[in-house]
C-alpha atoms as a PDB file:
ATOM      1  CA  MET A   1     130.341 127.005  86.329  1.00  0.00           C
ATOM      2  CA  GLN A   2     126.853 128.285  87.056  1.00  0.00           C
ATOM      3  CA  VAL A   3     125.170 126.955  90.187  1.00  0.00           C
ATOM      4  CA  THR A   4     121.427 126.651  90.365  1.00  0.00           C
ATOM      5  CA  THR A   5     119.421 126.562  93.496  1.00  0.00           C
ATOM      6  CA  PRO A   6     116.075 124.860  93.776  1.00  0.00           C
ATOM      7  CA  HIS A   7     114.339 128.099  93.553  1.00  0.00           C
ATOM      8  CA  ASP A   8     116.448 129.508  90.434  1.00  0.00           C
ATOM      9  CA  GLU A   9     114.310 130.347  87.579  1.00  0.00           C
ATOM     10  CA  THR A  10     116.707 128.950  85.019  1.00  0.00           C
ATOM     11  CA  GLY A  11     116.462 125.403  86.461  1.00  0.00           C
ATOM     12  CA  GLY A  12     115.623 123.099  89.448  1.00  0.00           C
ATOM     13  CA  CYS A  13     112.060 123.859  90.826  1.00  0.00           C
ATOM     14  CA  ALA A  14     111.161 126.286  88.099  1.00  0.00           C
ATOM     15  CA  ASP A  15     110.952 123.431  85.505  1.00  0.00           C
ATOM     16  CA  ILE A  16     109.424 121.060  87.962  1.00  0.00           C
ATOM     17  CA  ALA A  17     106.727 123.542  88.784  1.00  0.00           C
ATOM     18  CA  ARG A  18     105.941 124.348  85.332  1.00  0.00           C
ATOM     19  CA  HIS A  19     105.247 120.623  84.723  1.00  0.00           C
ATOM     20  CA  LEU A  20     103.351 120.035  87.884  1.00  0.00           C
ATOM     21  CA  GLY A  21     101.166 123.015  86.868  1.00  0.00           C
ATOM     22  CA  TRP A  22      99.603 121.159  83.961  1.00  0.00           C
ATOM     23  CA  ILE A  23      99.772 117.666  85.738  1.00  0.00           C
ATOM     24  CA  GLY A  24      97.879 119.328  88.574  1.00  0.00           C
ATOM     25  CA  GLY A  25      95.379 120.617  86.421  1.00  0.00           C
ATOM     26  CA  ARG A  26      91.879 119.765  86.994  1.00  0.00           C
ATOM     27  CA  TRP A  27      91.292 117.155  84.285  1.00  0.00           C
ATOM     28  CA  THR A  28      94.790 115.832  83.377  1.00  0.00           C
ATOM     29  CA  LEU A  29      95.015 113.107  86.083  1.00  0.00           C
ATOM     30  CA  PRO A  30      91.355 111.965  85.830  1.00  0.00           C
ATOM     31  CA  VAL A  31      91.923 111.321  81.958  1.00  0.00           C
ATOM     32  CA  ILE A  32      95.172 109.804  82.389  1.00  0.00           C
ATOM     33  CA  VAL A  33      94.066 107.430  85.068  1.00  0.00           C
ATOM     34  CA  THR A  34      90.832 106.656  83.232  1.00  0.00           C
ATOM     35  CA  LEU A  35      92.941 105.792  80.071  1.00  0.00           C
ATOM     36  CA  ASP A  36      95.126 103.343  82.113  1.00  0.00           C
ATOM     37  CA  ALA A  37      92.379 100.813  81.868  1.00  0.00           C
ATOM     38  CA  GLY A  38      92.827 100.914  78.043  1.00  0.00           C
ATOM     39  CA  PRO A  39      92.116 102.791  74.890  1.00  0.00           C
ATOM     40  CA  LEU A  40      88.858 104.516  74.703  1.00  0.00           C
ATOM     41  CA  ARG A  41      86.884 106.477  72.069  1.00  0.00           C
ATOM     42  CA  PHE A  42      86.072 110.237  72.762  1.00  0.00           C
ATOM     43  CA  ASN A  43      82.447 109.855  73.888  1.00  0.00           C
ATOM     44  CA  GLN A  44      83.453 106.815  76.075  1.00  0.00           C
ATOM     45  CA  LEU A  45      86.049 108.867  77.785  1.00  0.00           C
ATOM     46  CA  ARG A  46      83.837 111.758  78.132  1.00  0.00           C
ATOM     47  CA  ARG A  47      81.320 109.533  80.094  1.00  0.00           C
ATOM     48  CA  ALA A  48      83.900 107.989  82.221  1.00  0.00           C
ATOM     49  CA  VAL A  49      85.315 111.304  83.374  1.00  0.00           C
ATOM     50  CA  ALA A  50      82.484 112.765  85.417  1.00  0.00           C
ATOM     51  CA  GLY A  51      81.853 116.391  84.929  1.00  0.00           C
ATOM     52  CA  ILE A  52      84.225 117.161  82.059  1.00  0.00           C
ATOM     53  CA  SER A  53      82.744 119.073  79.236  1.00  0.00           C
ATOM     54  CA  GLN A  54      83.307 118.242  75.525  1.00  0.00           C
ATOM     55  CA  GLN A  55      85.466 121.384  74.944  1.00  0.00           C
ATOM     56  CA  MET A  56      87.532 120.658  78.038  1.00  0.00           C
ATOM     57  CA  LEU A  57      88.057 117.102  77.186  1.00  0.00           C
ATOM     58  CA  THR A  58      89.129 118.105  73.719  1.00  0.00           C
ATOM     59  CA  ARG A  59      91.724 120.715  75.065  1.00  0.00           C
ATOM     60  CA  THR A  60      92.980 118.228  77.704  1.00  0.00           C
ATOM     61  CA  LEU A  61      93.505 115.412  75.013  1.00  0.00           C
ATOM     62  CA  ARG A  62      95.230 117.693  72.570  1.00  0.00           C
ATOM     63  CA  ALA A  63      97.794 118.857  75.570  1.00  0.00           C
ATOM     64  CA  LEU A  64      98.272 115.325  76.454  1.00  0.00           C
ATOM     65  CA  GLU A  65      98.955 114.304  73.003  1.00  0.00           C
ATOM     66  CA  ARG A  66     101.291 117.345  72.526  1.00  0.00           C
ATOM     67  CA  ASP A  67     103.276 116.143  75.615  1.00  0.00           C
ATOM     68  CA  GLY A  68     103.540 112.546  74.584  1.00  0.00           C
ATOM     69  CA  MET A  69     101.207 111.214  77.093  1.00  0.00           C
ATOM     70  CA  LEU A  70      98.698 109.659  74.591  1.00  0.00           C
ATOM     71  CA  THR A  71      98.162 108.677  71.087  1.00  0.00           C
ATOM     72  CA  ARG A  72      95.177 109.691  68.921  1.00  0.00           C
ATOM     73  CA  THR A  73      94.081 107.140  66.321  1.00  0.00           C
ATOM     74  CA  VAL A  74      91.497 107.748  63.676  1.00  0.00           C
ATOM     75  CA  HIS A  75      89.720 104.766  62.470  1.00  0.00           C
ATOM     76  CA  PRO A  76      88.253 105.325  58.994  1.00  0.00           C
ATOM     77  CA  SER A  77      84.508 104.725  59.345  1.00  0.00           C
ATOM     78  CA  VAL A  78      81.368 106.694  58.894  1.00  0.00           C
ATOM     79  CA  PRO A  79      81.629 108.752  61.006  1.00  0.00           C
ATOM     80  CA  PRO A  80      85.104 108.494  61.867  1.00  0.00           C
ATOM     81  CA  GLN A  81      85.818 107.076  65.235  1.00  0.00           C
ATOM     82  CA  VAL A  82      88.837 108.510  67.419  1.00  0.00           C
ATOM     83  CA  GLU A  83      90.437 106.355  69.848  1.00  0.00           C
ATOM     84  CA  TYR A  84      92.901 107.600  72.545  1.00  0.00           C
ATOM     85  CA  ALA A  85      95.421 105.444  74.286  1.00  0.00           C
ATOM     86  CA  LEU A  86      98.398 106.104  76.725  1.00  0.00           C
ATOM     87  CA  THR A  87     101.744 105.990  75.704  1.00  0.00           C
ATOM     88  CA  ASP A  88     104.495 104.367  77.844  1.00  0.00           C
ATOM     89  CA  LEU A  89     105.190 107.810  79.192  1.00  0.00           C
ATOM     90  CA  GLY A  90     101.448 108.355  79.882  1.00  0.00           C
ATOM     91  CA  ARG A  91     101.177 104.970  81.815  1.00  0.00           C
ATOM     92  CA  SER A  92     104.057 105.971  84.040  1.00  0.00           C
ATOM     93  CA  LEU A  93     102.178 109.228  84.826  1.00  0.00           C
ATOM     94  CA  ALA A  94      99.041 107.057  85.634  1.00  0.00           C
ATOM     95  CA  GLU A  95     100.832 105.039  87.879  1.00  0.00           C
ATOM     96  CA  GLN A  96     102.144 108.082  89.849  1.00  0.00           C
ATOM     97  CA  GLY A  97      98.703 109.543  89.728  1.00  0.00           C
ATOM     98  CA  MET A  98      97.094 106.482  91.237  1.00  0.00           C
ATOM     99  CA  GLN A  99      99.851 106.566  93.889  1.00  0.00           C
ATOM    100  CA  LEU A 100      99.049 110.057  94.798  1.00  0.00           C
ATOM    101  CA  GLY A 101      95.398 109.272  94.852  1.00  0.00           C
ATOM    102  CA  ALA A 102      96.028 106.460  97.346  1.00  0.00           C
ATOM    103  CA  TRP A 103      97.947 108.792  99.523  1.00  0.00           C
ATOM    104  CA  VAL A 104      95.131 111.386  99.411  1.00  0.00           C
ATOM    105  CA  ARG A 105      92.579 108.571 100.213  1.00  0.00           C
ATOM    106  CA  ALA A 106      94.570 107.361 103.257  1.00  0.00           C
ATOM    107  CA  ASN A 107      95.425 110.764 104.697  1.00  0.00           C
ATOM    108  CA  GLN A 108      92.123 112.628 103.999  1.00  0.00           C
ATOM    109  CA  PRO A 109      90.706 112.070 107.525  1.00  0.00           C
ATOM    110  CA  LEU A 110      93.900 113.422 108.998  1.00  0.00           C
ATOM    111  CA  ILE A 111      93.914 116.475 106.639  1.00  0.00           C
ATOM    112  CA  ASP A 112      90.224 117.233 107.528  1.00  0.00           C
ATOM    113  CA  ALA A 113      91.010 116.976 111.033  1.00  0.00           C
ATOM    114  CA  GLN A 114      94.067 119.357 110.818  1.00  0.00           C
ATOM    115  CA  ARG A 115      91.878 121.779 108.888  1.00  0.00           C
ATOM    116  CA  ARG A 116      89.100 121.654 111.354  1.00  0.00           C
ATOM    117  CA  GLN A 117      91.634 122.192 114.138  1.00  0.00           C
ATOM    118  CA  PHE A 118      93.324 125.157 112.280  1.00  0.00           C
ATOM    119  CA  ASP A 119      90.220 126.904 111.332  1.00  0.00           C
ATOM    120  CA  ASP A 120      88.804 126.507 115.032  1.00  0.00           C
ATOM    121  CA  GLN A 121      92.045 128.144 116.239  1.00  0.00           C
ATOM    122  CA  HIS A 122      91.791 131.009 113.802  1.00  0.00           C
ATOM    123  CA  ARG A 123      88.199 132.215 114.071  1.00  0.00           C
END
């Protein structure tokens, strides 16, 4: 029987860290949380996620589609319209992302104070 520890590269934290790496990417949660309100076309999504470039939005959407977080639907029109919508898995991530965001907002003053105190002590 093989025993894995939380820091074992064959299981435990290694898998979690790998997934948290892409979830914690700069644009993943903003895109997911934005789509939680409902399906959006590419340009609507680009306008809604402040600061994201067209290329980065394309990469982020492709990765999220690959991981099963969203669906991409092409509507036959001229020009073609592409709409993105969360899957059930994506909605569950959006819920967790909003909870994490609420935690950050609630604790930001304390975190800022702790950082100032640390920086003052280590100058």
